[in-house]
Amino acid sequence: MSSTTASRSLGCVVRVEGAPVGHVTGIVLDGPHGEPIGLEVTSFTGAQHFLPWVAGIPREGVVELASPFLLVDAYAAYIARGAVVVRDVGDVSPSAAAGKSTA
């Protein structure tokens, strides 16, 4: 997935089998390479989840999921290994993402 595709996911509604469950509030990048590895999804209750990029299907303002079990509750291990979370479209590039962790 390219940085451009990832940036288009910011703010998208996340749906499981058509039912809205939250929205994309951040993009998790592999710090050393700046490649998107997943999405930060905030549910309507305010809980934050990690969605591995390969698990979601982005389509015109929506990210579709086949199952709610694809949303992982903890992604601190990714952050501990150098991943960064960006929440601004302008920051979704390898050079801008360096050191931008907000988790």
C-alpha atoms as a PDB file:
ATOM      1  CA  MET A   1       0.000   0.000   0.000  1.00  0.00           C
ATOM      2  CA  SER A   2       1.305   3.450  -0.782  1.00  0.00           C
ATOM      3  CA  SER A   3       1.397   6.446   1.553  1.00  0.00           C
ATOM      4  CA  THR A   4      -1.157   8.148  -0.688  1.00  0.00           C
ATOM      5  CA  THR A   5      -3.634   5.279  -0.290  1.00  0.00           C
ATOM      6  CA  ALA A   6      -3.076   5.276   3.468  1.00  0.00           C
ATOM      7  CA  SER A   7      -3.664   9.009   3.772  1.00  0.00           C
ATOM      8  CA  ARG A   8      -7.005   8.636   1.997  1.00  0.00           C
ATOM      9  CA  SER A   9      -8.077   6.242   4.767  1.00  0.00           C
ATOM     10  CA  LEU A  10      -7.798   8.906   7.501  1.00  0.00           C
ATOM     11  CA  GLY A  11     -11.258   9.845   8.723  1.00  0.00           C
ATOM     12  CA  CYS A  12     -12.965   6.988   6.883  1.00  0.00           C
ATOM     13  CA  VAL A  13     -15.825   5.154   8.535  1.00  0.00           C
ATOM     14  CA  VAL A  14     -14.971   1.562   9.455  1.00  0.00           C
ATOM     15  CA  ARG A  15     -17.732  -0.974   8.843  1.00  0.00           C
ATOM     16  CA  VAL A  16     -18.099  -4.640   9.694  1.00  0.00           C
ATOM     17  CA  GLU A  17     -20.383  -6.352   7.218  1.00  0.00           C
ATOM     18  CA  GLY A  18     -21.976  -2.976   6.464  1.00  0.00           C
ATOM     19  CA  ALA A  19     -22.501  -1.850  10.080  1.00  0.00           C
ATOM     20  CA  PRO A  20     -20.434   1.187  11.177  1.00  0.00           C
ATOM     21  CA  VAL A  21     -18.184   0.461  14.175  1.00  0.00           C
ATOM     22  CA  GLY A  22     -15.840   3.477  14.235  1.00  0.00           C
ATOM     23  CA  HIS A  23     -13.523   5.567  12.099  1.00  0.00           C
ATOM     24  CA  VAL A  24      -9.856   5.732  11.113  1.00  0.00           C
ATOM     25  CA  THR A  25      -8.017   8.173  13.381  1.00  0.00           C
ATOM     26  CA  GLY A  26      -4.424   7.321  12.516  1.00  0.00           C
ATOM     27  CA  ILE A  27      -2.096   5.410  10.272  1.00  0.00           C
ATOM     28  CA  VAL A  28       0.510   3.119  11.821  1.00  0.00           C
ATOM     29  CA  LEU A  29       3.760   3.298   9.889  1.00  0.00           C
ATOM     30  CA  ASP A  30       6.815   1.069  10.077  1.00  0.00           C
ATOM     31  CA  GLY A  31       9.144   3.710  11.500  1.00  0.00           C
ATOM     32  CA  PRO A  32      12.367   2.681   9.773  1.00  0.00           C
ATOM     33  CA  HIS A  33      10.757   2.465   6.341  1.00  0.00           C
ATOM     34  CA  GLY A  34       7.727   4.705   6.663  1.00  0.00           C
ATOM     35  CA  GLU A  35       5.497   2.070   5.064  1.00  0.00           C
ATOM     36  CA  PRO A  36       1.917   1.761   6.359  1.00  0.00           C
ATOM     37  CA  ILE A  37       1.391  -1.434   8.370  1.00  0.00           C
ATOM     38  CA  GLY A  38      -2.054  -0.742   9.741  1.00  0.00           C
ATOM     39  CA  LEU A  39      -4.712   1.713  10.782  1.00  0.00           C
ATOM     40  CA  GLU A  40      -5.643   3.112  14.163  1.00  0.00           C
ATOM     41  CA  VAL A  41      -9.417   2.770  14.497  1.00  0.00           C
ATOM     42  CA  THR A  42     -11.395   4.581  17.175  1.00  0.00           C
ATOM     43  CA  SER A  43     -14.733   2.973  17.943  1.00  0.00           C
ATOM     44  CA  PHE A  44     -17.849   4.993  18.665  1.00  0.00           C
ATOM     45  CA  THR A  45     -17.273   4.245  22.384  1.00  0.00           C
ATOM     46  CA  GLY A  46     -13.828   5.895  22.168  1.00  0.00           C
ATOM     47  CA  ALA A  47     -11.752   2.709  22.359  1.00  0.00           C
ATOM     48  CA  GLN A  48      -8.716   2.583  20.081  1.00  0.00           C
ATOM     49  CA  HIS A  49      -7.850  -0.501  18.050  1.00  0.00           C
ATOM     50  CA  PHE A  50      -5.209  -1.567  15.563  1.00  0.00           C
ATOM     51  CA  LEU A  51      -6.327  -2.871  12.184  1.00  0.00           C
ATOM     52  CA  PRO A  52      -3.590  -4.614  10.178  1.00  0.00           C
ATOM     53  CA  TRP A  53      -3.599  -3.109   6.705  1.00  0.00           C
ATOM     54  CA  VAL A  54      -4.164  -6.445   4.975  1.00  0.00           C
ATOM     55  CA  ALA A  55      -7.382  -6.961   6.992  1.00  0.00           C
ATOM     56  CA  GLY A  56      -9.266  -3.899   5.748  1.00  0.00           C
ATOM     57  CA  ILE A  57     -10.615  -3.040   2.327  1.00  0.00           C
ATOM     58  CA  PRO A  58     -10.608   0.732   1.657  1.00  0.00           C
ATOM     59  CA  ARG A  59     -13.390   1.955  -0.631  1.00  0.00           C
ATOM     60  CA  GLU A  60     -14.580   5.506  -1.295  1.00  0.00           C
ATOM     61  CA  GLY A  61     -14.615   6.898   2.244  1.00  0.00           C
ATOM     62  CA  VAL A  62     -15.133   3.548   3.975  1.00  0.00           C
ATOM     63  CA  VAL A  63     -12.906   0.747   5.254  1.00  0.00           C
ATOM     64  CA  GLU A  64     -14.740  -2.579   5.158  1.00  0.00           C
ATOM     65  CA  LEU A  65     -14.005  -5.511   7.471  1.00  0.00           C
ATOM     66  CA  ALA A  66     -15.269  -9.075   7.301  1.00  0.00           C
ATOM     67  CA  SER A  67     -15.174  -9.531  11.088  1.00  0.00           C
ATOM     68  CA  PRO A  68     -14.855  -7.414  14.245  1.00  0.00           C
ATOM     69  CA  PHE A  69     -12.174  -9.855  15.409  1.00  0.00           C
ATOM     70  CA  LEU A  70      -9.781  -8.209  12.944  1.00  0.00           C
ATOM     71  CA  LEU A  71      -9.578  -5.171  15.246  1.00  0.00           C
ATOM     72  CA  VAL A  72      -6.719  -5.724  17.710  1.00  0.00           C
ATOM     73  CA  ASP A  73      -7.023  -4.047  21.111  1.00  0.00           C
ATOM     74  CA  ALA A  74      -3.314  -3.550  21.760  1.00  0.00           C
ATOM     75  CA  TYR A  75      -0.655  -2.334  19.397  1.00  0.00           C
ATOM     76  CA  ALA A  76       1.921  -1.044  21.886  1.00  0.00           C
ATOM     77  CA  ALA A  77       4.313  -3.786  20.732  1.00  0.00           C
ATOM     78  CA  TYR A  78       4.449  -2.170  17.286  1.00  0.00           C
ATOM     79  CA  ILE A  79       5.207   1.209  18.835  1.00  0.00           C
ATOM     80  CA  ALA A  80       7.886  -0.342  21.061  1.00  0.00           C
ATOM     81  CA  ARG A  81       9.561  -1.697  17.922  1.00  0.00           C
ATOM     82  CA  GLY A  82       9.695   1.721  16.280  1.00  0.00           C
ATOM     83  CA  ALA A  83       6.348   2.070  14.543  1.00  0.00           C
ATOM     84  CA  VAL A  84       4.814   5.539  14.524  1.00  0.00           C
ATOM     85  CA  VAL A  85       1.202   6.707  14.425  1.00  0.00           C
ATOM     86  CA  VAL A  86       0.395   9.732  12.300  1.00  0.00           C
ATOM     87  CA  ARG A  87      -2.915  11.495  12.478  1.00  0.00           C
ATOM     88  CA  ASP A  88      -2.392  14.284   9.941  1.00  0.00           C
ATOM     89  CA  VAL A  89      -2.659  13.681   6.195  1.00  0.00           C
ATOM     90  CA  GLY A  90       0.371  15.896   5.590  1.00  0.00           C
ATOM     91  CA  ASP A  91       2.507  13.636   7.761  1.00  0.00           C
ATOM     92  CA  VAL A  92       1.891  10.396   5.862  1.00  0.00           C
ATOM     93  CA  SER A  93       5.212  10.155   4.107  1.00  0.00           C
ATOM     94  CA  PRO A  94       8.394   8.366   5.128  1.00  0.00           C
ATOM     95  CA  SER A  95      10.343  11.584   5.690  1.00  0.00           C
ATOM     96  CA  ALA A  96       7.582  13.364   7.618  1.00  0.00           C
ATOM     97  CA  ALA A  97       6.742  10.300   9.702  1.00  0.00           C
ATOM     98  CA  ALA A  98      10.165  10.044  11.336  1.00  0.00           C
ATOM     99  CA  GLY A  99       9.775  10.688  15.034  1.00  0.00           C
ATOM    100  CA  LYS A 100       6.054  11.515  14.867  1.00  0.00           C
ATOM    101  CA  SER A 101       4.738   8.869  17.276  1.00  0.00           C
ATOM    102  CA  THR A 102       1.718  10.136  19.170  1.00  0.00           C
ATOM    103  CA  ALA A 103       0.751   6.898  20.877  1.00  0.00           C
END
